[in-house]
């Protein structure tokens, strides 16, 4: 029983009802998710070592006909979010049976490499932007990979928000 105690203390899933997502594979080293209302939507952020995971769900429905596989639509997202260029990079993927677009990128600067995994997916007409980043001088950090795995195992659920919800809450895994 003593050997199993760490496994019993760790919850299998981390629900983020404000975004309508469930993460089931966050690493034990991940900090509690911080959920906040942001301009245009809700965001959840966690860190594991040098890596961070951010999930943003836009409140406004995506325009009719929006498709993350369309390079013109991704170009508007690149302009809006000013991050990794997804218009001409990446590949079609799937998250929980939803069509997605994922870009994995490395940028070198001043002896440090920034690793980024960006995924766009539209669920119930709302855009989700999921980003894992890590900076390292010694190769891709294991924490980066573990947070990418957490994204790949996401499950989508109906959004649940309390009326007049506090601007920031914390979710423990």
N, C-alpha and C. Protein backbone atom coordinates (compact mmCIF):
# COMPACT_ATOMS: atom_id res chain seq x y z
N UNK A 1 0.83 -1.19 0.00
CA UNK A 1 0.00 0.00 0.00
C UNK A 1 0.87 1.26 0.00
N UNK A 2 1.97 1.24 0.74
CA UNK A 2 2.85 2.40 0.79
C UNK A 2 3.40 2.72 -0.59
N UNK A 3 3.74 1.69 -1.37
CA UNK A 3 4.28 1.90 -2.70
C UNK A 3 3.24 2.46 -3.66
N UNK A 4 1.98 2.17 -3.45
CA UNK A 4 0.91 2.65 -4.32
C UNK A 4 0.38 4.03 -3.91
N UNK A 5 0.75 4.52 -2.76
CA UNK A 5 0.21 5.78 -2.25
C UNK A 5 0.39 6.95 -3.23
N UNK A 6 1.58 7.14 -3.84
CA UNK A 6 1.69 8.26 -4.79
C UNK A 6 0.71 8.14 -5.96
N UNK A 7 0.43 6.94 -6.41
CA UNK A 7 -0.52 6.77 -7.50
C UNK A 7 -1.95 7.06 -7.06
N UNK A 8 -2.27 6.71 -5.84
CA UNK A 8 -3.61 6.95 -5.33
C UNK A 8 -3.85 8.43 -5.07
N UNK A 9 -2.80 9.17 -4.74
CA UNK A 9 -2.95 10.59 -4.43
C UNK A 9 -3.13 11.43 -5.69
N UNK A 10 -2.68 10.93 -6.82
CA UNK A 10 -2.74 11.67 -8.07
C UNK A 10 -4.06 11.38 -8.77
N UNK A 11 -4.87 12.40 -8.99
CA UNK A 11 -6.14 12.21 -9.70
C UNK A 11 -5.86 11.83 -11.15
N UNK A 12 -6.69 10.96 -11.69
CA UNK A 12 -6.48 10.49 -13.06
C UNK A 12 -6.78 11.58 -14.08
N UNK A 13 -7.79 12.38 -13.84
CA UNK A 13 -8.20 13.40 -14.79
C UNK A 13 -8.21 14.77 -14.12
N UNK A 14 -7.94 15.78 -14.92
CA UNK A 14 -8.06 17.16 -14.45
C UNK A 14 -9.13 17.81 -15.32
N UNK A 15 -10.24 18.15 -14.70
CA UNK A 15 -11.34 18.80 -15.41
C UNK A 15 -11.14 20.30 -15.41
N UNK A 16 -11.42 20.91 -16.54
CA UNK A 16 -11.41 22.36 -16.66
C UNK A 16 -12.77 22.75 -17.24
N UNK A 17 -13.81 22.78 -16.40
CA UNK A 17 -15.17 23.00 -16.91
C UNK A 17 -15.35 24.35 -17.59
N UNK A 18 -14.57 25.37 -17.20
CA UNK A 18 -14.69 26.68 -17.82
C UNK A 18 -14.33 26.65 -19.31
N UNK A 19 -13.48 25.69 -19.70
CA UNK A 19 -13.08 25.53 -21.09
C UNK A 19 -13.72 24.31 -21.74
N UNK A 20 -14.36 23.47 -20.96
CA UNK A 20 -14.98 22.26 -21.49
C UNK A 20 -13.95 21.21 -21.89
N UNK A 21 -12.87 21.10 -21.12
CA UNK A 21 -11.85 20.09 -21.42
C UNK A 21 -11.53 19.27 -20.19
N UNK A 22 -11.04 18.05 -20.47
CA UNK A 22 -10.55 17.16 -19.43
C UNK A 22 -9.18 16.66 -19.90
N UNK A 23 -8.19 16.86 -19.04
CA UNK A 23 -6.84 16.37 -19.32
C UNK A 23 -6.61 15.17 -18.42
N UNK A 24 -6.16 14.08 -18.99
CA UNK A 24 -5.99 12.87 -18.21
C UNK A 24 -4.56 12.45 -18.01
N UNK A 25 -3.62 13.17 -18.57
CA UNK A 25 -2.25 12.70 -18.49
C UNK A 25 -1.25 13.79 -18.15
N UNK A 26 -1.64 14.74 -17.32
CA UNK A 26 -0.67 15.75 -16.90
C UNK A 26 0.41 15.08 -16.07
N UNK A 27 1.66 15.49 -16.26
CA UNK A 27 2.72 14.89 -15.45
C UNK A 27 2.57 15.28 -13.98
N UNK A 28 3.06 14.41 -13.10
CA UNK A 28 2.97 14.69 -11.67
C UNK A 28 3.65 15.99 -11.31
N UNK A 29 4.68 16.37 -12.08
CA UNK A 29 5.42 17.59 -11.76
C UNK A 29 4.68 18.86 -12.18
N UNK A 30 3.54 18.72 -12.86
CA UNK A 30 2.80 19.89 -13.34
C UNK A 30 2.21 20.67 -12.18
N UNK A 31 2.33 21.98 -12.25
CA UNK A 31 1.72 22.87 -11.27
C UNK A 31 0.20 22.82 -11.45
N UNK A 32 -0.55 23.18 -10.43
CA UNK A 32 -2.01 23.24 -10.60
C UNK A 32 -2.37 24.17 -11.76
N UNK A 33 -3.37 23.78 -12.53
CA UNK A 33 -3.84 24.62 -13.62
C UNK A 33 -4.40 25.92 -13.07
N UNK A 34 -4.02 27.02 -13.68
CA UNK A 34 -4.57 28.32 -13.34
C UNK A 34 -5.54 28.68 -14.45
N UNK A 35 -6.81 28.87 -14.11
CA UNK A 35 -7.86 29.18 -15.08
C UNK A 35 -8.25 30.64 -14.90
N UNK A 36 -8.33 31.35 -16.02
CA UNK A 36 -8.69 32.76 -15.94
C UNK A 36 -9.55 33.17 -17.13
N UNK A 37 -10.41 34.15 -16.87
CA UNK A 37 -11.17 34.77 -17.94
C UNK A 37 -10.24 35.79 -18.59
N UNK A 38 -10.12 35.70 -19.89
CA UNK A 38 -9.26 36.59 -20.66
C UNK A 38 -10.11 37.32 -21.68
N UNK A 39 -9.62 38.41 -22.25
CA UNK A 39 -10.39 39.05 -23.31
C UNK A 39 -10.66 38.05 -24.44
N UNK A 40 -11.90 37.80 -24.71
CA UNK A 40 -12.28 36.92 -25.81
C UNK A 40 -12.45 35.46 -25.46
N UNK A 41 -12.18 35.07 -24.20
CA UNK A 41 -12.34 33.67 -23.86
C UNK A 41 -11.80 33.31 -22.50
N UNK A 42 -11.57 32.02 -22.32
CA UNK A 42 -11.01 31.51 -21.06
C UNK A 42 -9.71 30.79 -21.37
N UNK A 43 -8.79 30.84 -20.40
CA UNK A 43 -7.49 30.23 -20.58
C UNK A 43 -7.11 29.41 -19.35
N UNK A 44 -6.47 28.29 -19.58
CA UNK A 44 -5.90 27.47 -18.51
C UNK A 44 -4.41 27.33 -18.78
N UNK A 45 -3.60 27.50 -17.74
CA UNK A 45 -2.15 27.44 -17.88
C UNK A 45 -1.57 26.59 -16.77
N UNK A 46 -0.57 25.77 -17.13
CA UNK A 46 0.20 25.02 -16.14
C UNK A 46 1.65 24.99 -16.59
N UNK A 47 2.53 24.68 -15.65
CA UNK A 47 3.96 24.55 -15.91
C UNK A 47 4.43 23.22 -15.36
N UNK A 48 5.37 22.62 -16.06
CA UNK A 48 6.05 21.41 -15.59
C UNK A 48 7.53 21.62 -15.89
N UNK A 49 8.30 21.87 -14.87
CA UNK A 49 9.71 22.19 -15.08
C UNK A 49 9.84 23.42 -15.95
N UNK A 50 10.60 23.31 -17.05
CA UNK A 50 10.82 24.45 -17.93
C UNK A 50 9.74 24.58 -19.01
N UNK A 51 8.79 23.68 -19.03
CA UNK A 51 7.74 23.68 -20.06
C UNK A 51 6.45 24.27 -19.52
N UNK A 52 5.68 24.85 -20.43
CA UNK A 52 4.37 25.37 -20.04
C UNK A 52 3.33 24.93 -21.07
N UNK A 53 2.10 24.81 -20.59
CA UNK A 53 0.95 24.45 -21.41
C UNK A 53 -0.11 25.52 -21.22
N UNK A 54 -0.62 26.01 -22.33
CA UNK A 54 -1.71 27.00 -22.31
C UNK A 54 -2.81 26.49 -23.23
N UNK A 55 -4.03 26.50 -22.71
CA UNK A 55 -5.21 26.15 -23.51
C UNK A 55 -6.14 27.35 -23.45
N UNK A 56 -6.49 27.87 -24.63
CA UNK A 56 -7.39 29.02 -24.72
C UNK A 56 -8.60 28.62 -25.55
N UNK A 57 -9.79 28.93 -25.05
CA UNK A 57 -11.04 28.69 -25.78
C UNK A 57 -11.70 30.03 -26.03
N UNK A 58 -11.90 30.34 -27.32
CA UNK A 58 -12.56 31.58 -27.67
C UNK A 58 -14.04 31.51 -27.31
N UNK A 59 -14.57 32.59 -26.73
CA UNK A 59 -15.98 32.65 -26.38
C UNK A 59 -16.87 32.76 -27.61
N UNK A 60 -16.45 33.56 -28.58
CA UNK A 60 -17.26 33.77 -29.78
C UNK A 60 -17.14 32.55 -30.69
N UNK A 61 -18.24 32.10 -31.27
CA UNK A 61 -18.15 30.99 -32.23
C UNK A 61 -17.25 31.37 -33.40
N UNK A 62 -16.55 30.39 -33.92
CA UNK A 62 -15.74 30.61 -35.12
C UNK A 62 -16.68 30.97 -36.27
N UNK A 63 -16.21 31.82 -37.17
CA UNK A 63 -17.07 32.19 -38.31
C UNK A 63 -17.52 30.95 -39.08
N UNK A 64 -18.73 31.00 -39.63
CA UNK A 64 -19.24 29.89 -40.43
C UNK A 64 -18.21 29.50 -41.50
N UNK A 65 -18.04 28.22 -41.67
CA UNK A 65 -17.12 27.72 -42.68
C UNK A 65 -15.68 27.68 -42.24
N UNK A 66 -15.38 28.07 -41.01
CA UNK A 66 -14.00 28.04 -40.52
C UNK A 66 -13.51 26.60 -40.46
N UNK A 67 -12.28 26.42 -40.91
CA UNK A 67 -11.68 25.10 -40.93
C UNK A 67 -10.19 25.26 -40.65
N UNK A 68 -9.69 24.60 -39.60
CA UNK A 68 -8.28 24.74 -39.24
C UNK A 68 -7.36 24.19 -40.32
N UNK A 69 -7.88 23.40 -41.25
CA UNK A 69 -7.07 22.90 -42.36
C UNK A 69 -6.90 23.93 -43.47
N UNK A 70 -7.67 25.02 -43.43
CA UNK A 70 -7.61 26.06 -44.45
C UNK A 70 -6.46 27.03 -44.13
N UNK A 71 -5.44 27.15 -45.00
CA UNK A 71 -4.32 28.03 -44.72
C UNK A 71 -4.72 29.50 -44.57
N UNK A 72 -5.78 29.94 -45.24
CA UNK A 72 -6.23 31.33 -45.09
C UNK A 72 -6.77 31.57 -43.69
N UNK A 73 -7.53 30.62 -43.16
CA UNK A 73 -8.05 30.75 -41.80
C UNK A 73 -6.89 30.75 -40.80
N UNK A 74 -5.93 29.83 -40.99
CA UNK A 74 -4.78 29.79 -40.09
C UNK A 74 -3.96 31.08 -40.18
N UNK A 75 -3.90 31.70 -41.35
CA UNK A 75 -3.18 32.96 -41.49
C UNK A 75 -3.83 34.03 -40.61
N UNK A 76 -5.16 34.04 -40.53
CA UNK A 76 -5.83 35.02 -39.66
C UNK A 76 -5.52 34.71 -38.19
N UNK A 77 -5.42 33.41 -37.85
CA UNK A 77 -5.06 33.05 -36.47
C UNK A 77 -3.62 33.43 -36.16
N UNK A 78 -2.71 33.22 -37.12
CA UNK A 78 -1.31 33.61 -36.92
C UNK A 78 -1.22 35.10 -36.64
N UNK A 79 -1.95 35.89 -37.42
CA UNK A 79 -1.94 37.34 -37.22
C UNK A 79 -2.54 37.72 -35.86
N UNK A 80 -3.62 37.08 -35.50
CA UNK A 80 -4.32 37.39 -34.25
C UNK A 80 -3.48 37.03 -33.03
N UNK A 81 -2.86 35.84 -33.04
CA UNK A 81 -2.15 35.35 -31.85
C UNK A 81 -0.65 35.58 -31.88
N UNK A 82 -0.10 35.98 -33.00
CA UNK A 82 1.31 36.34 -33.13
C UNK A 82 2.25 35.32 -32.50
N UNK A 83 2.11 34.08 -32.95
CA UNK A 83 3.00 33.04 -32.45
C UNK A 83 3.56 32.26 -33.63
N UNK A 84 3.80 31.00 -33.44
CA UNK A 84 4.33 30.15 -34.50
C UNK A 84 3.47 30.27 -35.75
N UNK A 85 4.12 30.42 -36.88
CA UNK A 85 3.39 30.51 -38.15
C UNK A 85 2.80 29.15 -38.51
N UNK A 86 1.49 29.10 -38.59
CA UNK A 86 0.82 27.84 -38.94
C UNK A 86 0.28 27.83 -40.36
N UNK A 87 0.31 28.99 -41.02
CA UNK A 87 -0.26 29.06 -42.37
C UNK A 87 0.39 28.06 -43.31
N UNK A 88 1.74 28.01 -43.29
CA UNK A 88 2.47 27.15 -44.22
C UNK A 88 3.22 26.02 -43.52
N UNK A 89 3.00 25.84 -42.23
CA UNK A 89 3.67 24.79 -41.48
C UNK A 89 2.64 23.90 -40.81
N UNK A 90 3.08 22.73 -40.40
CA UNK A 90 2.23 21.85 -39.64
C UNK A 90 1.56 20.80 -40.49
N UNK A 91 0.63 20.11 -39.84
CA UNK A 91 -0.04 19.00 -40.51
C UNK A 91 -1.41 18.79 -39.87
N UNK A 92 -2.33 18.21 -40.65
CA UNK A 92 -3.63 17.88 -40.07
C UNK A 92 -3.46 16.77 -39.03
N UNK A 93 -4.14 16.93 -37.93
CA UNK A 93 -4.15 15.94 -36.85
C UNK A 93 -5.59 15.79 -36.38
N UNK A 94 -5.79 15.07 -35.30
CA UNK A 94 -7.12 14.93 -34.71
C UNK A 94 -6.99 14.93 -33.20
N UNK A 95 -7.94 15.54 -32.55
CA UNK A 95 -8.03 15.52 -31.09
C UNK A 95 -9.44 15.10 -30.73
N UNK A 96 -9.56 14.01 -30.02
CA UNK A 96 -10.86 13.51 -29.56
C UNK A 96 -11.88 13.50 -30.72
N UNK A 97 -11.48 12.97 -31.85
CA UNK A 97 -12.33 12.84 -33.04
C UNK A 97 -12.69 14.17 -33.70
N UNK A 98 -11.96 15.23 -33.40
CA UNK A 98 -12.16 16.53 -34.05
C UNK A 98 -10.95 16.83 -34.92
N UNK A 99 -11.18 17.38 -36.10
CA UNK A 99 -10.08 17.76 -36.98
C UNK A 99 -9.28 18.88 -36.32
N UNK A 100 -7.96 18.74 -36.37
CA UNK A 100 -7.08 19.72 -35.75
C UNK A 100 -5.92 20.02 -36.70
N UNK A 101 -5.15 21.04 -36.36
CA UNK A 101 -3.94 21.38 -37.09
C UNK A 101 -2.84 21.58 -36.07
N UNK A 102 -1.71 20.90 -36.26
CA UNK A 102 -0.62 20.96 -35.27
C UNK A 102 0.68 21.36 -35.95
N UNK A 103 1.40 22.27 -35.30
CA UNK A 103 2.71 22.71 -35.74
C UNK A 103 3.68 22.44 -34.59
N UNK A 104 4.80 21.80 -34.91
CA UNK A 104 5.89 21.64 -33.95
C UNK A 104 7.06 22.43 -34.50
N UNK A 105 7.63 23.31 -33.68
CA UNK A 105 8.63 24.25 -34.17
C UNK A 105 9.78 24.37 -33.18
N UNK A 106 10.97 24.67 -33.72
CA UNK A 106 12.15 24.97 -32.91
C UNK A 106 12.75 26.27 -33.43
N UNK A 107 13.05 27.18 -32.53
CA UNK A 107 13.70 28.43 -32.88
C UNK A 107 14.94 28.58 -32.01
N UNK A 108 16.09 28.86 -32.64
CA UNK A 108 17.35 29.02 -31.92
C UNK A 108 17.65 30.50 -31.75
N UNK A 109 18.07 30.89 -30.53
CA UNK A 109 18.46 32.27 -30.27
C UNK A 109 19.37 32.31 -29.04
N UNK A 110 20.52 32.91 -29.19
CA UNK A 110 21.45 33.13 -28.07
C UNK A 110 21.76 31.85 -27.29
N UNK A 111 22.00 30.76 -27.98
CA UNK A 111 22.37 29.51 -27.31
C UNK A 111 21.21 28.74 -26.71
N UNK A 112 20.01 29.28 -26.83
CA UNK A 112 18.82 28.62 -26.29
C UNK A 112 17.91 28.23 -27.44
N UNK A 113 17.24 27.12 -27.28
CA UNK A 113 16.26 26.69 -28.27
C UNK A 113 14.88 26.76 -27.65
N UNK A 114 13.96 27.38 -28.36
CA UNK A 114 12.56 27.41 -27.94
C UNK A 114 11.82 26.34 -28.73
N UNK A 115 11.23 25.42 -27.99
CA UNK A 115 10.41 24.35 -28.57
C UNK A 115 8.95 24.74 -28.41
N UNK A 116 8.19 24.59 -29.47
CA UNK A 116 6.78 24.96 -29.44
C UNK A 116 5.96 23.89 -30.15
N UNK A 117 4.85 23.52 -29.54
CA UNK A 117 3.85 22.68 -30.18
C UNK A 117 2.53 23.45 -30.09
N UNK A 118 1.99 23.81 -31.24
CA UNK A 118 0.76 24.59 -31.33
C UNK A 118 -0.30 23.75 -32.01
N UNK A 119 -1.47 23.65 -31.40
CA UNK A 119 -2.59 22.93 -32.01
C UNK A 119 -3.82 23.81 -32.00
N UNK A 120 -4.48 23.88 -33.16
CA UNK A 120 -5.78 24.53 -33.28
C UNK A 120 -6.82 23.46 -33.53
N UNK A 121 -7.97 23.58 -32.87
CA UNK A 121 -9.08 22.67 -33.11
C UNK A 121 -10.38 23.44 -32.86
N UNK A 122 -11.39 23.15 -33.66
CA UNK A 122 -12.70 23.77 -33.46
C UNK A 122 -13.63 22.69 -32.93
N UNK A 123 -14.23 22.98 -31.76
CA UNK A 123 -15.16 22.05 -31.12
C UNK A 123 -16.43 22.83 -30.80
N UNK A 124 -17.56 22.29 -31.20
CA UNK A 124 -18.85 22.96 -30.98
C UNK A 124 -18.79 24.42 -31.42
N UNK A 125 -18.18 24.66 -32.56
CA UNK A 125 -18.07 25.97 -33.20
C UNK A 125 -17.14 26.94 -32.48
N UNK A 126 -16.36 26.47 -31.50
CA UNK A 126 -15.44 27.35 -30.77
C UNK A 126 -14.00 26.90 -31.00
N UNK A 127 -13.15 27.89 -31.28
CA UNK A 127 -11.74 27.61 -31.51
C UNK A 127 -11.02 27.38 -30.19
N UNK A 128 -10.23 26.33 -30.15
CA UNK A 128 -9.31 26.07 -29.05
C UNK A 128 -7.91 26.24 -29.59
N UNK A 129 -7.07 26.92 -28.83
CA UNK A 129 -5.66 27.10 -29.17
C UNK A 129 -4.86 26.50 -28.02
N UNK A 130 -4.11 25.45 -28.32
CA UNK A 130 -3.34 24.74 -27.29
C UNK A 130 -1.86 24.88 -27.64
N UNK A 131 -1.09 25.38 -26.68
CA UNK A 131 0.33 25.65 -26.94
C UNK A 131 1.17 25.09 -25.80
N UNK A 132 2.19 24.32 -26.18
CA UNK A 132 3.22 23.87 -25.24
C UNK A 132 4.52 24.53 -25.68
N UNK A 133 5.23 25.14 -24.72
CA UNK A 133 6.53 25.74 -25.02
C UNK A 133 7.54 25.32 -23.96
N UNK A 134 8.80 25.35 -24.36
CA UNK A 134 9.90 25.12 -23.43
C UNK A 134 11.16 25.72 -24.02
N UNK A 135 11.97 26.31 -23.17
CA UNK A 135 13.27 26.83 -23.58
C UNK A 135 14.34 25.95 -22.95
N UNK A 136 15.36 25.61 -23.75
CA UNK A 136 16.41 24.74 -23.23
C UNK A 136 17.71 24.98 -23.99
N UNK A 137 18.80 24.76 -23.29
CA UNK A 137 20.12 24.83 -23.90
C UNK A 137 20.67 23.42 -24.15
N UNK A 138 19.94 22.39 -23.69
CA UNK A 138 20.46 21.02 -23.73
C UNK A 138 19.47 20.04 -24.35
N UNK A 139 18.87 20.37 -25.46
CA UNK A 139 17.94 19.46 -26.11
C UNK A 139 16.52 19.62 -25.61
N UNK A 140 15.62 18.93 -26.28
CA UNK A 140 14.20 19.05 -25.96
C UNK A 140 13.92 18.45 -24.58
N UNK A 141 13.35 19.23 -23.67
CA UNK A 141 13.08 18.75 -22.31
C UNK A 141 11.98 17.69 -22.28
N UNK A 142 12.12 16.72 -21.39
CA UNK A 142 11.12 15.67 -21.22
C UNK A 142 9.77 16.26 -20.81
N UNK A 143 9.78 17.35 -20.06
CA UNK A 143 8.53 17.99 -19.63
C UNK A 143 7.74 18.51 -20.84
N UNK A 144 8.46 18.98 -21.85
CA UNK A 144 7.80 19.43 -23.08
C UNK A 144 7.01 18.27 -23.68
N UNK A 145 7.69 17.13 -23.82
CA UNK A 145 7.03 15.96 -24.39
C UNK A 145 5.84 15.51 -23.56
N UNK A 146 5.96 15.55 -22.23
CA UNK A 146 4.86 15.09 -21.39
C UNK A 146 3.65 16.01 -21.50
N UNK A 147 3.85 17.30 -21.68
CA UNK A 147 2.72 18.21 -21.85
C UNK A 147 2.09 18.06 -23.24
N UNK A 148 2.89 17.74 -24.25
CA UNK A 148 2.34 17.46 -25.58
C UNK A 148 1.46 16.21 -25.51
N UNK A 149 1.89 15.21 -24.76
CA UNK A 149 1.08 14.01 -24.57
C UNK A 149 -0.24 14.37 -23.89
N UNK A 150 -0.20 15.29 -22.92
CA UNK A 150 -1.43 15.72 -22.24
C UNK A 150 -2.42 16.32 -23.24
N UNK A 151 -1.92 17.13 -24.19
CA UNK A 151 -2.81 17.69 -25.21
C UNK A 151 -3.40 16.58 -26.06
N UNK A 152 -2.58 15.62 -26.44
CA UNK A 152 -3.06 14.58 -27.35
C UNK A 152 -4.16 13.72 -26.71
N UNK A 153 -4.23 13.69 -25.38
CA UNK A 153 -5.26 12.92 -24.70
C UNK A 153 -6.45 13.72 -24.21
N UNK A 154 -6.58 14.97 -24.68
CA UNK A 154 -7.66 15.83 -24.20
C UNK A 154 -9.02 15.25 -24.60
N UNK A 155 -9.99 15.48 -23.74
CA UNK A 155 -11.39 15.14 -24.02
C UNK A 155 -12.19 16.42 -23.90
N UNK A 156 -13.16 16.58 -24.79
CA UNK A 156 -13.99 17.78 -24.78
C UNK A 156 -15.34 17.46 -24.16
N UNK A 157 -15.82 18.40 -23.35
CA UNK A 157 -17.08 18.26 -22.62
C UNK A 157 -17.84 19.57 -22.73
N UNK A 158 -19.11 19.58 -22.37
CA UNK A 158 -19.83 20.86 -22.37
C UNK A 158 -19.18 21.85 -21.39
N UNK A 159 -19.12 23.10 -21.81
CA UNK A 159 -18.57 24.15 -20.95
C UNK A 159 -19.52 24.37 -19.79
N UNK A 160 -18.95 24.51 -18.59
CA UNK A 160 -19.73 24.79 -17.39
C UNK A 160 -19.07 25.93 -16.65
N UNK A 161 -19.79 27.02 -16.54
CA UNK A 161 -19.25 28.18 -15.83
C UNK A 161 -20.27 28.64 -14.82
N UNK A 162 -19.76 28.91 -13.64
CA UNK A 162 -20.63 29.43 -12.59
C UNK A 162 -20.97 30.88 -12.92
N UNK A 163 -22.20 31.31 -12.61
CA UNK A 163 -22.54 32.72 -12.84
C UNK A 163 -21.62 33.60 -12.01
N UNK A 164 -21.17 34.69 -12.62
CA UNK A 164 -20.28 35.63 -11.94
C UNK A 164 -19.07 34.92 -11.37
N UNK A 165 -18.49 33.99 -12.15
CA UNK A 165 -17.32 33.23 -11.69
C UNK A 165 -16.16 34.16 -11.39
N UNK A 166 -15.37 33.74 -10.44
CA UNK A 166 -14.18 34.52 -10.09
C UNK A 166 -13.27 34.57 -11.31
N UNK A 167 -12.46 35.61 -11.40
CA UNK A 167 -11.60 35.80 -12.54
C UNK A 167 -10.50 34.75 -12.63
N UNK A 168 -10.12 34.15 -11.52
CA UNK A 168 -9.03 33.17 -11.58
C UNK A 168 -9.28 32.09 -10.56
N UNK A 169 -9.11 30.84 -10.98
CA UNK A 169 -9.23 29.72 -10.07
C UNK A 169 -8.08 28.76 -10.31
N UNK A 170 -7.93 27.82 -9.42
CA UNK A 170 -6.84 26.85 -9.55
C UNK A 170 -7.41 25.45 -9.55
N UNK A 171 -6.92 24.60 -10.44
CA UNK A 171 -7.34 23.21 -10.53
C UNK A 171 -6.16 22.32 -10.16
N UNK A 172 -6.38 21.41 -9.26
CA UNK A 172 -5.31 20.49 -8.87
C UNK A 172 -5.53 19.16 -9.55
N UNK A 173 -4.42 18.48 -9.89
CA UNK A 173 -4.51 17.19 -10.55
C UNK A 173 -4.35 16.08 -9.64
